Protein backbone atom coordinates (compact mmCIF):
# COMPACT_ATOMS: atom_id res chain seq x y z
CA UNK A 1 -30.68 -3.36 17.40
CA UNK A 2 -28.21 -1.13 15.56
CA UNK A 3 -25.03 -3.13 15.06
CA UNK A 4 -21.88 -3.21 13.01
CA UNK A 5 -19.20 -5.89 12.83
CA UNK A 6 -15.51 -5.99 13.69
CA UNK A 7 -12.67 -8.29 12.71
CA UNK A 8 -9.67 -8.91 14.92
CA UNK A 9 -6.29 -10.33 14.00
CA UNK A 10 -3.89 -11.78 16.55
CA UNK A 11 -0.55 -13.45 17.19
CA UNK A 12 -2.29 -16.79 17.73
CA UNK A 13 -0.87 -19.90 16.09
CA UNK A 14 -2.41 -21.56 13.03
CA UNK A 15 -4.06 -24.13 15.31
CA UNK A 16 -6.12 -21.43 17.03
CA UNK A 17 -8.84 -19.11 15.68
CA UNK A 18 -6.46 -16.21 15.08
CA UNK A 19 -9.04 -14.16 13.18
CA UNK A 20 -12.37 -13.47 14.86
CA UNK A 21 -15.65 -11.86 13.85
CA UNK A 22 -17.45 -9.72 16.41
CA UNK A 23 -20.85 -8.08 16.55
CA UNK A 24 -20.72 -4.55 17.98
CA UNK A 25 -23.82 -2.96 19.52
CA UNK A 26 -23.70 0.70 18.47
CA UNK A 27 -26.02 1.77 21.28
CA UNK A 28 -24.48 -0.10 24.21
CA UNK A 29 -20.90 -0.46 22.97
CA UNK A 30 -21.04 -4.20 23.64
CA UNK A 31 -18.90 -6.78 21.81
CA UNK A 32 -20.14 -10.30 21.08
CA UNK A 33 -17.89 -12.91 19.49
CA UNK A 34 -19.68 -14.53 16.52
CA UNK A 35 -17.10 -16.70 14.77
CA UNK A 36 -13.43 -17.36 14.24
CA UNK A 37 -11.18 -19.05 11.74
CA UNK A 38 -7.91 -20.92 12.21
CA UNK A 39 -5.27 -22.02 9.73
CA UNK A 40 -3.24 -18.81 9.59
CA UNK A 41 -0.19 -18.25 11.78
CA UNK A 42 0.17 -14.79 13.39
CA UNK A 43 -2.58 -12.97 11.47
CA UNK A 44 -1.21 -9.62 12.57
CA UNK A 45 -2.86 -7.18 10.17
CA UNK A 46 -6.10 -7.09 8.19
CA UNK A 47 -7.24 -5.02 5.21
CA UNK A 48 -10.94 -4.89 4.35
CA UNK A 49 -12.01 -4.74 0.70
CA UNK A 50 -14.25 -1.80 -0.34
CA UNK A 51 -17.06 -4.32 -0.99
CA UNK A 52 -17.24 -5.05 2.75
CA UNK A 53 -17.27 -8.80 2.09
CA UNK A 54 -13.64 -9.70 1.42
CA UNK A 55 -10.49 -9.04 3.41
CA UNK A 56 -6.79 -9.89 3.33
CA UNK A 57 -4.66 -10.93 6.31
CA UNK A 58 -0.90 -10.99 6.75
CA UNK A 59 0.72 -14.09 8.19
CA UNK A 60 3.61 -12.38 9.96
CA UNK A 61 6.19 -15.16 9.95
CA UNK A 62 9.43 -15.84 8.11
CA UNK A 63 8.55 -16.51 4.46
CA UNK A 64 5.20 -14.91 5.20
CA UNK A 65 1.90 -15.13 3.37
CA UNK A 66 -1.02 -12.96 2.34
CA UNK A 67 -4.33 -14.76 2.80
CA UNK A 68 -7.62 -13.72 1.22
CA UNK A 69 -10.94 -14.39 2.96
CA UNK A 70 -14.64 -13.99 2.22
CA UNK A 71 -17.21 -13.06 4.86
CA UNK A 72 -20.80 -14.22 4.55
CA UNK A 73 -22.21 -11.69 6.99
CA UNK A 74 -25.80 -13.03 7.30
CA UNK A 75 -24.45 -16.46 8.26
CA UNK A 76 -21.43 -15.02 10.14
CA UNK A 77 -19.24 -17.41 8.15
CA UNK A 78 -15.56 -16.83 7.33
CA UNK A 79 -13.97 -18.75 4.45
CA UNK A 80 -10.44 -18.71 3.06
CA UNK A 81 -10.20 -17.96 -0.67
CA UNK A 82 -6.47 -18.32 -1.44
CA UNK A 83 -2.90 -17.54 -0.42
CA UNK A 84 0.13 -15.91 -1.96
CA UNK A 85 3.70 -15.65 -0.73
CA UNK A 86 4.33 -12.23 0.79
CA UNK A 87 7.63 -12.11 -1.08
CA UNK A 88 9.69 -11.75 2.08
CA UNK A 89 9.88 -12.26 5.83
CA UNK A 90 7.36 -10.95 8.36
CA UNK A 91 4.70 -9.05 6.39
CA UNK A 92 3.61 -6.38 8.86
CA UNK A 93 0.95 -4.47 6.95
CA UNK A 94 -1.35 -4.75 3.95
CA UNK A 95 -3.81 -2.45 2.21
CA UNK A 96 -6.36 -2.81 -0.58
CA UNK A 97 -6.62 0.22 -2.85
CA UNK A 98 -9.83 2.23 -3.19
CA UNK A 99 -10.67 0.60 -6.52
CA UNK A 100 -10.55 -2.83 -4.90
CA UNK A 101 -8.27 -4.07 -7.67
CA UNK A 102 -4.83 -3.96 -6.01
CA UNK A 103 -3.23 -5.29 -2.83
CA UNK A 104 -0.06 -3.68 -1.48
CA UNK A 105 1.95 -5.11 1.40
CA UNK A 106 5.25 -4.56 3.19
CA UNK A 107 7.65 -7.07 4.70
CA UNK A 108 9.20 -5.78 7.93
CA UNK A 109 12.20 -8.13 7.89
CA UNK A 110 12.27 -8.57 4.11
CA UNK A 111 12.62 -4.82 3.61
CA UNK A 112 10.38 -4.65 0.54
CA UNK A 113 7.07 -3.35 -0.80
CA UNK A 114 4.97 -5.65 -2.99
CA UNK A 115 1.97 -5.34 -5.32
CA UNK A 116 -0.64 -7.96 -6.28
CA UNK A 117 -3.90 -7.83 -8.24
CA UNK A 118 -7.09 -8.55 -6.33
CA UNK A 119 -9.18 -10.66 -8.69
CA UNK A 120 -12.94 -10.69 -9.23
CA UNK A 121 -13.29 -14.10 -7.58
CA UNK A 122 -11.86 -12.70 -4.34
CA UNK A 123 -8.42 -14.24 -4.75
CA UNK A 124 -5.02 -12.56 -4.70
CA UNK A 125 -3.21 -12.85 -8.03
CA UNK A 126 0.49 -13.19 -8.73
CA UNK A 127 2.91 -10.44 -7.71
CA UNK A 128 3.25 -7.60 -10.25
CA UNK A 129 6.02 -5.58 -8.59
CA UNK A 130 8.46 -5.58 -5.68
CA UNK A 131 10.62 -2.68 -4.49
CA UNK A 132 13.38 -3.27 -1.96
CA UNK A 133 14.49 -0.50 0.38
CA UNK A 134 18.10 0.21 1.37
CA UNK A 135 19.75 1.85 4.36
CA UNK A 136 19.68 1.85 8.15
CA UNK A 137 19.19 4.19 11.11
CA UNK A 138 21.07 5.23 14.26
CA UNK A 139 19.25 2.81 16.59
CA UNK A 140 21.49 -0.26 16.35
CA UNK A 141 18.95 -2.59 17.93
CA UNK A 142 15.92 -1.63 15.82
CA UNK A 143 17.37 0.07 12.73
CA UNK A 144 20.06 -2.29 11.45
CA UNK A 145 18.30 -2.57 8.07
CA UNK A 146 15.19 -1.32 6.25
CA UNK A 147 11.99 -2.23 8.07
CA UNK A 148 8.95 -0.97 6.14
CA UNK A 149 6.10 -1.09 8.63
CA UNK A 150 3.03 0.14 6.75
CA UNK A 151 1.56 1.13 3.40
CA UNK A 152 -1.36 3.56 3.08
CA UNK A 153 -3.11 4.98 0.03
CA UNK A 154 -3.23 8.76 -0.21
CA UNK A 155 -6.96 9.53 -0.58
CA UNK A 156 -8.24 10.28 -4.08
CA UNK A 157 -4.97 9.34 -5.76
CA UNK A 158 -2.84 6.43 -6.95
CA UNK A 159 -0.09 7.44 -4.52
CA UNK A 160 0.91 5.20 -1.61
CA UNK A 161 2.97 6.15 1.43
CA UNK A 162 5.29 3.59 3.01
CA UNK A 163 6.72 4.26 6.49
CA UNK A 164 10.12 2.62 6.94
CA UNK A 165 10.96 2.28 10.63
CA UNK A 166 14.48 1.03 9.91
CA UNK A 167 15.65 3.93 7.73
CA UNK A 168 13.63 6.86 9.16
CA UNK A 169 12.14 7.51 5.73
CA UNK A 170 8.64 7.84 4.28
CA UNK A 171 8.49 6.69 0.65
CA UNK A 172 5.85 8.08 -1.70
CA UNK A 173 5.07 5.70 -4.56
CA UNK A 174 2.75 6.04 -7.53
CA UNK A 175 0.94 2.89 -8.63
CA UNK A 176 0.23 2.41 -12.33
CA UNK A 177 -3.22 0.78 -12.33
CA UNK A 178 -2.64 -0.53 -15.84
CA UNK A 179 0.18 -2.89 -14.86
CA UNK A 180 0.60 -2.84 -11.07
CA UNK A 181 4.05 -1.23 -11.16
CA UNK A 182 5.38 1.28 -8.61
CA UNK A 183 7.33 4.47 -9.33
CA UNK A 184 9.11 6.40 -6.56
CA UNK A 185 7.84 10.01 -6.40
CA UNK A 186 9.39 11.29 -3.17
CA UNK A 187 11.50 10.09 -0.24
CA UNK A 188 10.81 12.07 2.94
CA UNK A 189 13.47 12.04 5.69
CA UNK A 190 12.13 12.00 9.25
CA UNK A 191 13.88 12.68 12.55
CA UNK A 192 16.88 10.32 12.90
CA UNK A 193 16.04 7.44 15.22
CA UNK A 194 12.32 8.24 15.25
CA UNK A 195 11.16 5.03 13.52
CA UNK A 196 8.09 6.01 11.44
CA UNK A 197 5.47 3.28 11.75
CA UNK A 198 1.87 4.20 10.77
CA UNK A 199 -0.01 7.09 9.14
CA UNK A 200 -3.40 8.78 9.35
CA UNK A 201 -4.93 11.33 6.98
CA UNK A 202 -7.15 14.29 7.77
CA UNK A 203 -10.59 13.64 6.20
CA UNK A 204 -11.03 17.13 4.74
CA UNK A 205 -7.70 18.97 4.76
CA UNK A 206 -4.34 18.21 3.10
CA UNK A 207 -2.51 16.86 6.15
CA UNK A 208 -1.02 13.50 7.05
CA UNK A 209 0.05 12.44 10.54
CA UNK A 210 3.05 10.12 10.93
CA UNK A 211 3.30 8.07 14.12
CA UNK A 212 6.92 7.46 15.11
CA UNK A 213 7.31 4.30 17.16
CA UNK A 214 10.81 4.75 18.57
CA UNK A 215 10.61 8.45 19.49
CA UNK A 216 6.97 8.22 20.67
CA UNK A 217 5.92 11.22 18.61
CA UNK A 218 3.63 12.40 15.82
CA UNK A 219 5.04 14.37 12.90
CA UNK A 220 2.57 16.48 10.92
CA UNK A 221 3.03 16.98 7.18
CA UNK A 222 1.16 19.16 4.75
CA UNK A 223 0.28 17.58 1.40
CA UNK A 224 1.15 19.98 -1.42
CA UNK A 225 1.11 19.95 -5.18
CA UNK A 226 1.90 16.61 -6.81
CA UNK A 227 1.18 15.07 -3.37
CA UNK A 228 4.56 16.14 -2.00
CA UNK A 229 4.89 16.17 1.79
CA UNK A 230 6.15 19.19 3.76
CA UNK A 231 6.95 19.06 7.48
CA UNK A 232 4.72 21.15 9.78
CA UNK A 233 5.16 20.06 13.40
CA UNK A 234 6.24 17.30 15.78
CA UNK A 235 4.32 16.49 18.97
CA UNK A 236 5.36 14.10 21.74
CA UNK A 237 3.02 11.28 22.76
CA UNK A 238 4.07 10.68 26.38
CA UNK A 239 4.13 13.04 29.37
CA UNK A 240 7.38 14.93 29.93
CA UNK A 241 7.69 13.39 33.40
CA UNK A 242 7.36 9.81 32.07
CA UNK A 243 10.73 8.04 32.18
CA UNK A 244 9.71 4.46 31.38
CA UNK A 245 10.15 2.56 28.15
CA UNK A 246 7.54 3.24 25.48
CA UNK A 247 6.87 2.43 21.85
CA UNK A 248 3.95 4.10 20.12
CA UNK A 249 1.85 1.97 17.79
CA UNK A 250 -1.32 3.28 16.11
CA UNK A 251 -2.73 6.64 15.03
CA UNK A 252 -6.19 7.66 13.79
CA UNK A 253 -8.11 10.87 13.07
CA UNK A 254 -11.78 11.29 13.98
CA UNK A 255 -14.19 11.28 11.04
CA UNK A 256 -15.07 14.94 11.69
CA UNK A 257 -11.37 15.89 11.60
CA UNK A 258 -11.41 17.46 15.07
CA UNK A 259 -9.28 15.00 17.03
CA UNK A 260 -6.27 12.71 16.68
CA UNK A 261 -5.68 9.58 18.76
CA UNK A 262 -2.45 7.60 19.21
CA UNK A 263 -1.57 4.56 21.32
CA UNK A 264 1.38 4.12 23.67
CA UNK A 265 2.80 0.73 24.67
CA UNK A 266 4.62 1.12 27.97
CA UNK A 267 2.75 4.20 29.11
CA UNK A 268 -0.34 2.06 28.28
CA UNK A 269 -2.42 4.97 27.08
CA UNK A 270 -4.29 6.66 24.28
CA UNK A 271 -3.00 10.18 23.67
CA UNK A 272 -5.66 12.66 22.53
CA UNK A 273 -4.98 15.81 20.52
CA UNK A 274 -7.18 18.55 19.13
CA UNK A 275 -6.48 19.30 15.46
CA UNK A 276 -6.24 23.04 14.84
CA UNK A 277 -7.24 24.90 11.68
CA UNK A 278 -3.69 24.80 10.31
CA UNK A 279 -3.49 21.02 10.83
CA UNK A 280 -1.21 21.26 13.86
CA UNK A 281 -1.88 19.39 17.10
CA UNK A 282 -2.81 20.63 20.57
CA UNK A 283 -2.52 18.09 23.39
CA UNK A 284 -5.73 17.30 25.30
CA UNK A 285 -5.29 14.22 27.49
CA UNK A 286 -3.81 10.79 28.14
CA UNK A 287 -6.44 8.09 28.71
CA UNK A 288 -5.57 4.61 30.07
CA UNK A 289 -5.86 2.01 27.31
CA UNK A 290 -7.65 -0.41 29.63
CA UNK A 291 -4.90 -3.01 29.33
CA UNK A 292 -1.29 -3.58 28.35
CA UNK A 293 0.34 -3.20 24.95
CA UNK A 294 -2.28 -1.27 22.91
CA UNK A 295 -0.88 -2.28 19.54
CA UNK A 296 -3.89 -1.21 17.48
CA UNK A 297 -7.30 0.43 17.76
CA UNK A 298 -10.13 1.51 15.51
CA UNK A 299 -12.63 4.35 15.49
CA UNK A 300 -16.10 2.95 14.81
CA UNK A 301 -18.02 4.90 12.12
CA UNK A 302 -20.42 7.33 13.73
CA UNK A 303 -17.73 8.83 15.93
CA UNK A 304 -18.97 7.56 19.31
CA UNK A 305 -16.76 4.53 19.95
CA UNK A 306 -13.09 3.54 20.02
CA UNK A 307 -12.06 -0.13 20.32
CA UNK A 308 -8.53 -0.95 21.52
CA UNK A 309 -6.59 -4.17 20.95
CA UNK A 310 -4.41 -4.62 24.05
CA UNK A 311 -1.99 -7.33 22.95
CA UNK A 312 -0.15 -7.96 26.22
CA UNK A 313 -3.25 -8.23 28.40
CA UNK A 314 -5.21 -10.37 25.90
CA UNK A 315 -8.14 -7.99 25.75
CA UNK A 316 -10.33 -5.71 23.69
CA UNK A 317 -11.47 -2.53 25.41
CA UNK A 318 -14.37 -0.35 24.27
CA UNK A 319 -14.32 3.39 24.94
CA UNK A 320 -17.10 5.95 24.55
CA UNK A 321 -16.15 9.25 22.89
CA UNK A 322 -18.09 12.32 24.01
CA UNK A 323 -18.27 15.84 22.59
CA UNK A 324 -14.91 16.69 24.17
CA UNK A 325 -13.28 14.00 22.03
CA UNK A 326 -11.78 12.32 25.09
CA UNK A 327 -12.60 8.58 25.33
CA UNK A 328 -13.83 6.93 28.52
CA UNK A 329 -13.93 3.21 29.33
CA UNK A 330 -17.30 1.59 28.66
CA UNK A 331 -17.74 -1.74 30.41
CA UNK A 332 -15.19 -4.41 31.23
CA UNK A 333 -12.37 -5.62 28.92
CA UNK A 334 -13.30 -8.53 26.65
CA UNK A 335 -10.85 -11.44 26.76
CA UNK A 336 -9.30 -12.66 23.51
CA UNK A 337 -5.72 -13.95 23.08
CA UNK A 338 -3.06 -11.49 21.83
CA UNK A 339 -5.23 -9.15 19.71
CA UNK A 340 -3.07 -6.95 17.49
CA UNK A 341 -5.48 -5.57 14.88
CA UNK A 342 -9.13 -4.51 14.91
CA UNK A 343 -11.07 -3.44 11.80
CA UNK A 344 -14.67 -2.59 10.94
CA UNK A 345 -16.29 -4.72 8.21
CA UNK A 346 -19.69 -4.93 6.57
């Protein structure tokens, strides 16, 4: 049986198995829960190490933590390695760089970006740098202060992009791999009140796609010399006739670079776009997410499956992707409490 494995993070308490390991049948699209681990409160985001055996989770609470884990895949066993303070309140996102030697995280309420070494024994070392953002946005309820929501590594570089929902800015940092220090290279203003949240890169062309939570839109940027970003296009994520409340959450590009997917919480959908030769987007369809509150999803390597974490309906939903690029529900939702992140591992 051809299988891969998935990890899910959730808003479960430390007394519950907030991180779970799943086996995914690549032929049938079936999910089977294999193990879980407790002891971490609100494990809201996961970053998988390039070795496929280690991963880091955020504990998204006040005075948050970053927690390192090791996965023994043959035995389906999850084990905690160590913890470090996140250096602020409510760490919302974490990434491990392509070399596997550095961990970068952002604190949504703390308003800062932090760097840590990832050591050979699988532990997270002491903090090497911290950069605090300043400013606010026009949305008084959501943009009263900086709220960095994600950090992503620009492929084939030491540059990292941080989306700050609170200030409507995308920060481009360069990491010095010799000492773990950050240098600001560019600050990109986005549409006022848009609330940039997450990013996705085209696998073959110099384009990055910025999901904007508050405006429910995708902004397209070209990546030029010195990795500077230049605005190309903005595309809405909900139908023009939709008048309900919506916050967009996750964005991903298919591994062949033909399609972009984004999730809508409120409209409860996955928006599908075709990516044109110039990197711009052409709307294709809205597909029901199979539940409520699709906070995160992942595209399974191979290009045939999409797995959605529907936070508000306590479910994972598997979708089959055909040649048209438009996903269709495959089977019934799988119950699991408040899933908010799903990642491939192993």
